[in-house]
């Protein structure tokens, strides 16, 4: 039901679920983008702050 552009950020080593979890999420949104961070687990904003901020800022900036 979500129609808004959606950014899904996922850590490749997330202990809550493998890469299949965000793939399922990706297919549930009308307009979603997935960015997987290879050197991160679950707390992306603190594990890879530069990459997290760059991806989030670029995504938000595309809709400003």
N, C-alpha and C. Protein backbone atom coordinates (compact mmCIF):
# COMPACT_ATOMS: atom_id res chain seq x y z
N UNK A 1 0.81 -1.20 0.00
CA UNK A 1 0.00 0.00 0.00
C UNK A 1 0.85 1.27 0.00
N UNK A 2 2.10 1.16 0.35
CA UNK A 2 2.96 2.34 0.39
C UNK A 2 3.28 2.78 -1.03
N UNK A 3 2.94 4.00 -1.35
CA UNK A 3 3.16 4.54 -2.69
C UNK A 3 4.33 5.53 -2.72
N UNK A 4 4.75 6.01 -1.56
CA UNK A 4 5.83 6.99 -1.49
C UNK A 4 7.16 6.34 -1.85
N UNK A 5 8.07 7.09 -2.47
CA UNK A 5 9.41 6.56 -2.71
C UNK A 5 10.04 6.13 -1.38
N UNK A 6 10.62 4.96 -1.38
CA UNK A 6 11.13 4.37 -0.16
C UNK A 6 12.56 3.91 -0.34
N UNK A 7 13.40 4.22 0.64
CA UNK A 7 14.79 3.78 0.63
C UNK A 7 14.94 2.69 1.69
N UNK A 8 15.41 1.54 1.27
CA UNK A 8 15.68 0.43 2.19
C UNK A 8 17.19 0.30 2.30
N UNK A 9 17.71 0.46 3.49
CA UNK A 9 19.13 0.29 3.76
C UNK A 9 19.31 -0.99 4.55
N UNK A 10 20.28 -1.80 4.15
CA UNK A 10 20.45 -3.10 4.80
C UNK A 10 21.92 -3.42 4.95
N UNK A 11 22.28 -3.97 6.08
CA UNK A 11 23.64 -4.44 6.30
C UNK A 11 23.76 -5.89 5.85
N UNK A 12 24.76 -6.17 5.07
CA UNK A 12 24.94 -7.52 4.54
C UNK A 12 25.07 -8.56 5.65
N UNK A 13 25.58 -8.15 6.80
CA UNK A 13 25.80 -9.07 7.91
C UNK A 13 24.77 -8.88 9.03
N UNK A 14 23.58 -8.42 8.68
CA UNK A 14 22.53 -8.19 9.67
C UNK A 14 22.11 -9.52 10.28
N UNK A 15 22.16 -9.60 11.58
CA UNK A 15 21.82 -10.84 12.28
C UNK A 15 20.32 -11.06 12.38
N UNK A 16 19.50 -10.08 12.01
CA UNK A 16 18.04 -10.25 12.04
C UNK A 16 17.51 -10.91 10.78
N UNK A 17 18.32 -11.00 9.77
CA UNK A 17 17.86 -11.65 8.56
C UNK A 17 18.87 -11.49 7.43
N UNK A 18 18.86 -12.44 6.55
CA UNK A 18 19.75 -12.41 5.41
C UNK A 18 19.26 -11.46 4.34
N UNK A 19 19.89 -11.49 3.21
CA UNK A 19 19.59 -10.58 2.12
C UNK A 19 18.19 -10.83 1.54
N UNK A 20 17.61 -11.99 1.82
CA UNK A 20 16.26 -12.26 1.34
C UNK A 20 15.22 -11.36 2.00
N UNK A 21 15.49 -10.90 3.22
CA UNK A 21 14.52 -10.04 3.92
C UNK A 21 14.32 -8.71 3.19
N UNK A 22 15.39 -7.96 2.89
CA UNK A 22 15.13 -6.71 2.17
C UNK A 22 14.63 -6.94 0.75
N UNK A 23 14.97 -8.07 0.15
CA UNK A 23 14.44 -8.36 -1.19
C UNK A 23 12.92 -8.52 -1.13
N UNK A 24 12.43 -9.17 -0.10
CA UNK A 24 10.98 -9.29 0.08
C UNK A 24 10.35 -7.92 0.30
N UNK A 25 11.01 -7.08 1.10
CA UNK A 25 10.51 -5.73 1.35
C UNK A 25 10.49 -4.93 0.05
N UNK A 26 11.55 -5.05 -0.73
CA UNK A 26 11.68 -4.31 -1.98
C UNK A 26 10.50 -4.58 -2.91
N UNK A 27 10.05 -5.78 -2.93
CA UNK A 27 8.95 -6.16 -3.81
C UNK A 27 7.57 -5.80 -3.26
N UNK A 28 7.52 -5.29 -2.04
CA UNK A 28 6.24 -4.92 -1.43
C UNK A 28 5.90 -3.44 -1.58
N UNK A 29 6.88 -2.64 -1.98
CA UNK A 29 6.68 -1.21 -2.12
C UNK A 29 6.55 -0.85 -3.60
N UNK A 30 5.75 0.17 -3.90
CA UNK A 30 5.54 0.57 -5.28
C UNK A 30 6.79 1.19 -5.89
N UNK A 31 7.55 1.94 -5.10
CA UNK A 31 8.71 2.67 -5.61
C UNK A 31 9.82 2.60 -4.57
N UNK A 32 10.55 1.49 -4.56
CA UNK A 32 11.57 1.29 -3.53
C UNK A 32 12.94 1.12 -4.15
N UNK A 33 13.93 1.54 -3.38
CA UNK A 33 15.33 1.35 -3.74
C UNK A 33 16.01 0.64 -2.58
N UNK A 34 16.90 -0.26 -2.90
CA UNK A 34 17.62 -1.02 -1.88
C UNK A 34 19.10 -0.71 -2.00
N UNK A 35 19.70 -0.39 -0.87
CA UNK A 35 21.15 -0.19 -0.81
C UNK A 35 21.68 -1.12 0.28
N UNK A 36 22.54 -2.04 -0.10
CA UNK A 36 23.13 -2.99 0.85
C UNK A 36 24.54 -2.54 1.17
N UNK A 37 24.84 -2.44 2.45
CA UNK A 37 26.17 -2.06 2.90
C UNK A 37 26.93 -3.32 3.30
N UNK A 38 28.01 -3.57 2.60
CA UNK A 38 28.76 -4.81 2.77
C UNK A 38 29.53 -4.93 4.06
N UNK A 39 29.89 -3.83 4.67
CA UNK A 39 30.69 -3.87 5.90
C UNK A 39 29.87 -3.50 7.12
N UNK A 40 28.61 -3.88 7.13
CA UNK A 40 27.74 -3.50 8.23
C UNK A 40 26.79 -4.63 8.60
N UNK A 41 26.24 -4.51 9.80
CA UNK A 41 25.27 -5.48 10.28
C UNK A 41 23.91 -4.79 10.42
N UNK A 42 23.58 -4.33 11.62
CA UNK A 42 22.22 -3.82 11.87
C UNK A 42 22.16 -2.32 12.14
N UNK A 43 23.20 -1.74 12.68
CA UNK A 43 23.19 -0.31 13.04
C UNK A 43 24.01 0.47 12.02
N UNK A 44 23.48 0.57 10.82
CA UNK A 44 24.20 1.14 9.70
C UNK A 44 24.65 2.57 9.95
N UNK A 45 23.82 3.36 10.60
CA UNK A 45 24.15 4.77 10.81
C UNK A 45 25.37 4.94 11.70
N UNK A 46 25.67 3.98 12.55
CA UNK A 46 26.87 4.09 13.38
C UNK A 46 28.02 3.22 12.86
N UNK A 47 27.71 2.16 12.13
CA UNK A 47 28.76 1.29 11.59
C UNK A 47 29.42 1.88 10.36
N UNK A 48 28.65 2.51 9.51
CA UNK A 48 29.15 3.12 8.26
C UNK A 48 28.52 4.49 8.09
N UNK A 49 28.83 5.43 8.99
CA UNK A 49 28.12 6.72 8.96
C UNK A 49 28.31 7.51 7.67
N UNK A 50 29.48 7.49 7.10
CA UNK A 50 29.70 8.26 5.87
C UNK A 50 28.87 7.72 4.71
N UNK A 51 28.89 6.40 4.55
CA UNK A 51 28.11 5.79 3.47
C UNK A 51 26.61 5.98 3.72
N UNK A 52 26.19 5.76 4.95
CA UNK A 52 24.79 5.93 5.31
C UNK A 52 24.31 7.34 4.99
N UNK A 53 25.07 8.33 5.45
CA UNK A 53 24.69 9.73 5.24
C UNK A 53 24.68 10.09 3.76
N UNK A 54 25.65 9.61 3.01
CA UNK A 54 25.71 9.91 1.58
C UNK A 54 24.50 9.33 0.83
N UNK A 55 24.17 8.09 1.12
CA UNK A 55 23.04 7.44 0.44
C UNK A 55 21.72 8.10 0.85
N UNK A 56 21.54 8.34 2.14
CA UNK A 56 20.30 8.96 2.62
C UNK A 56 20.14 10.37 2.07
N UNK A 57 21.22 11.14 2.08
CA UNK A 57 21.16 12.51 1.59
C UNK A 57 20.87 12.55 0.09
N UNK A 58 21.49 11.67 -0.65
CA UNK A 58 21.23 11.62 -2.10
C UNK A 58 19.78 11.24 -2.37
N UNK A 59 19.25 10.29 -1.61
CA UNK A 59 17.86 9.87 -1.78
C UNK A 59 16.91 11.02 -1.46
N UNK A 60 17.10 11.64 -0.32
CA UNK A 60 16.24 12.75 0.07
C UNK A 60 16.39 13.92 -0.90
N UNK A 61 17.62 14.19 -1.31
CA UNK A 61 17.87 15.30 -2.22
C UNK A 61 17.19 15.12 -3.57
N UNK A 62 16.96 13.88 -3.95
CA UNK A 62 16.28 13.62 -5.21
C UNK A 62 14.81 13.95 -5.19
N UNK A 63 14.27 14.20 -3.99
CA UNK A 63 12.84 14.49 -3.85
C UNK A 63 12.59 15.85 -3.23
N UNK A 64 13.65 16.63 -3.05
CA UNK A 64 13.50 17.96 -2.41
C UNK A 64 13.08 18.99 -3.44
